[in-house]
Structure formats: C-alpha cells, structure tokens
C-alpha cells in the first residue's frame, strides 16, 4: 500500500508501507493492506510505517487520516521525520512544559502547556524509537 504524509509546506513522506500505525483521538489504530476504507482524526502522537523489516517513525501533530484503495493519506499541520528531530531541543521543550505545569504560583494556560508537553513527548518518542 502507499502512504503519503502532507503538511502545508511539503510532502514529508511518500512511499510504500506494509503496515501503518496511527494515533487517533480514541487510541492507536493499525492499518494493513486491503483494510476497509476509513477516515479519522489524528491526535498528537507517533505514526509508524513498516517497510519490510524496517520502520519509519513520524511525530504527527494531529490532522486527518484517510485510507481507501490501499492508499493512506495523512493531512497535518506539522509532521517531523523521527530521523530529523533534534533530541536536545525536544528535551528542552519537554522540560519547559513540565515546569509550566508544575508552577502553581502563576496563571498558565493549562491546555496549551499540556499540548506543548504532548508535542515534545511525541517528538522524543519518534526520534528515540528504533
């Protein structure tokens, strides 16, 4: 089957996949060849594509997933190939988000801080998963 991951700026990935695992709003979903057609919203998380014995990991920051006729398409605002993620920068973002959530003395936007933490964790998982 084919997988295409598209952001507003570019095509992040386009190629064959034997298996795709996505993070939907209701949990993980696996897709194999000849899966029934499906369209679902994505949550912040990691998209995994298996190509034979090799895996590719992408930090996907929400979006839409569509599968039909053995063609999977992900439309998302932000997606990063795990190989391209700066782990030190992701760790710094994680630490900043955790500090904001732990600080009880200031008025913070909790949802924004939680989303920042989820994005940092997705980046780290995509970058560090082998």
Protein backbone atom coordinates (compact mmCIF):
# COMPACT_ATOMS: atom_id res chain seq x y z
CA UNK A 1 0.00 0.00 0.00
CA UNK A 2 1.04 3.61 -0.37
CA UNK A 3 1.48 6.22 2.37
CA UNK A 4 1.63 9.96 1.82
CA UNK A 5 2.13 12.44 4.68
CA UNK A 6 1.42 16.04 3.71
CA UNK A 7 1.79 19.33 5.58
CA UNK A 8 1.01 22.83 4.33
CA UNK A 9 4.65 23.30 3.34
CA UNK A 10 5.70 19.96 1.88
CA UNK A 11 5.28 16.25 1.40
CA UNK A 12 7.04 14.76 4.43
CA UNK A 13 6.87 11.17 3.19
CA UNK A 14 5.63 9.35 0.13
CA UNK A 15 6.28 5.68 -0.33
CA UNK A 16 5.27 2.08 0.21
CA UNK A 17 4.30 0.68 3.61
CA UNK A 18 3.42 -2.84 4.71
CA UNK A 19 1.80 -1.63 7.93
CA UNK A 20 0.82 1.77 9.33
CA UNK A 21 0.11 2.54 12.98
CA UNK A 22 -1.50 5.90 13.78
CA UNK A 23 -2.54 7.71 16.95
CA UNK A 24 -6.23 8.62 16.69
CA UNK A 25 -8.30 10.61 19.18
CA UNK A 26 -9.62 7.29 20.56
CA UNK A 27 -6.33 5.35 20.63
CA UNK A 28 -3.89 3.59 18.32
CA UNK A 29 -5.07 2.06 15.05
CA UNK A 30 -3.20 -0.33 12.80
CA UNK A 31 -3.73 -0.46 9.05
CA UNK A 32 -2.73 -3.33 6.77
CA UNK A 33 -3.17 -3.82 3.04
CA UNK A 34 -6.82 -4.14 1.93
CA UNK A 35 -8.16 -2.53 5.14
CA UNK A 36 -11.70 -1.21 4.81
CA UNK A 37 -11.90 2.49 3.90
CA UNK A 38 -11.58 4.75 6.93
CA UNK A 39 -11.30 8.45 7.69
CA UNK A 40 -10.43 9.57 11.22
CA UNK A 41 -8.94 12.48 13.10
CA UNK A 42 -5.43 12.12 14.44
CA UNK A 43 -4.19 13.06 17.87
CA UNK A 44 -0.70 14.30 18.71
CA UNK A 45 1.48 11.20 18.60
CA UNK A 46 3.71 8.96 16.56
CA UNK A 47 2.86 7.50 13.17
CA UNK A 48 4.77 4.29 12.45
CA UNK A 49 5.25 2.90 8.95
CA UNK A 50 6.74 -0.57 8.46
CA UNK A 51 8.58 -1.24 5.22
CA UNK A 52 9.61 -4.89 5.25
CA UNK A 53 11.78 -5.30 8.35
CA UNK A 54 12.43 -1.55 8.70
CA UNK A 55 10.32 1.06 10.47
CA UNK A 56 9.97 4.80 9.93
CA UNK A 57 8.64 7.00 12.73
CA UNK A 58 6.99 10.39 12.37
CA UNK A 59 5.90 12.85 15.07
CA UNK A 60 2.45 13.84 13.84
CA UNK A 61 0.73 16.81 15.49
CA UNK A 62 -2.89 15.94 14.83
CA UNK A 63 -4.61 16.06 11.47
CA UNK A 64 -6.72 13.77 9.32
CA UNK A 65 -6.02 10.19 8.21
CA UNK A 66 -7.76 8.66 5.21
CA UNK A 67 -7.38 5.14 3.83
CA UNK A 68 -9.04 3.98 0.63
CA UNK A 69 -7.99 1.59 -2.16
CA UNK A 70 -4.68 0.82 -0.42
CA UNK A 71 -3.73 4.50 -0.35
CA UNK A 72 -3.19 6.12 3.05
CA UNK A 73 -3.04 9.89 3.29
CA UNK A 74 -2.24 11.98 6.33
CA UNK A 75 -3.01 15.70 6.19
CA UNK A 76 -1.46 17.53 9.13
CA UNK A 77 -0.20 20.97 10.07
CA UNK A 78 3.08 19.64 11.50
CA UNK A 79 4.88 16.35 10.96
CA UNK A 80 8.53 15.56 11.56
CA UNK A 81 10.51 12.51 10.47
CA UNK A 82 11.99 10.90 13.57
CA UNK A 83 15.43 10.91 11.92
CA UNK A 84 15.32 14.71 11.62
CA UNK A 85 14.26 15.57 15.17
CA UNK A 86 16.71 17.46 17.40
CA UNK A 87 16.53 15.39 20.61
CA UNK A 88 18.20 18.06 22.78
CA UNK A 89 15.69 20.68 21.62
CA UNK A 90 12.77 18.29 22.23
CA UNK A 91 14.07 17.57 25.74
CA UNK A 92 14.29 21.32 26.43
CA UNK A 93 10.70 21.81 25.23
CA UNK A 94 9.59 18.93 27.45
CA UNK A 95 11.34 20.44 30.48
CA UNK A 96 9.76 23.87 29.82
CA UNK A 97 6.27 22.38 29.51
CA UNK A 98 6.69 20.30 32.67
CA UNK A 99 7.94 23.36 34.57
CA UNK A 100 4.92 25.40 33.44
CA UNK A 101 2.56 22.66 34.55
CA UNK A 102 4.32 22.27 37.90
CA UNK A 103 4.34 26.01 38.69
CA UNK A 104 1.31 26.65 40.89
CA UNK A 105 2.16 30.31 41.51
CA UNK A 106 1.32 31.64 38.05
CA UNK A 107 -1.75 31.70 35.90
CA UNK A 108 -0.95 29.47 32.95
CA UNK A 109 -2.98 28.15 30.09
CA UNK A 110 -3.03 24.52 31.22
CA UNK A 111 -4.35 23.15 27.92
CA UNK A 112 -1.60 24.93 25.99
CA UNK A 113 1.08 23.62 28.36
CA UNK A 114 -0.32 20.08 28.13
CA UNK A 115 -0.34 20.28 24.33
CA UNK A 116 3.28 21.51 24.35
CA UNK A 117 4.23 18.57 26.56
CA UNK A 118 2.39 16.11 24.28
CA UNK A 119 4.21 17.52 21.22
CA UNK A 120 7.60 17.24 22.94
CA UNK A 121 6.89 13.66 24.04
CA UNK A 122 5.77 12.69 20.51
CA UNK A 123 8.97 14.15 19.06
CA UNK A 124 11.11 12.29 21.60
CA UNK A 125 9.30 9.00 21.00
CA UNK A 126 9.63 9.34 17.20
CA UNK A 127 13.31 10.27 17.47
CA UNK A 128 14.33 7.63 20.01
CA UNK A 129 12.28 4.64 18.82
CA UNK A 130 14.37 2.15 16.90
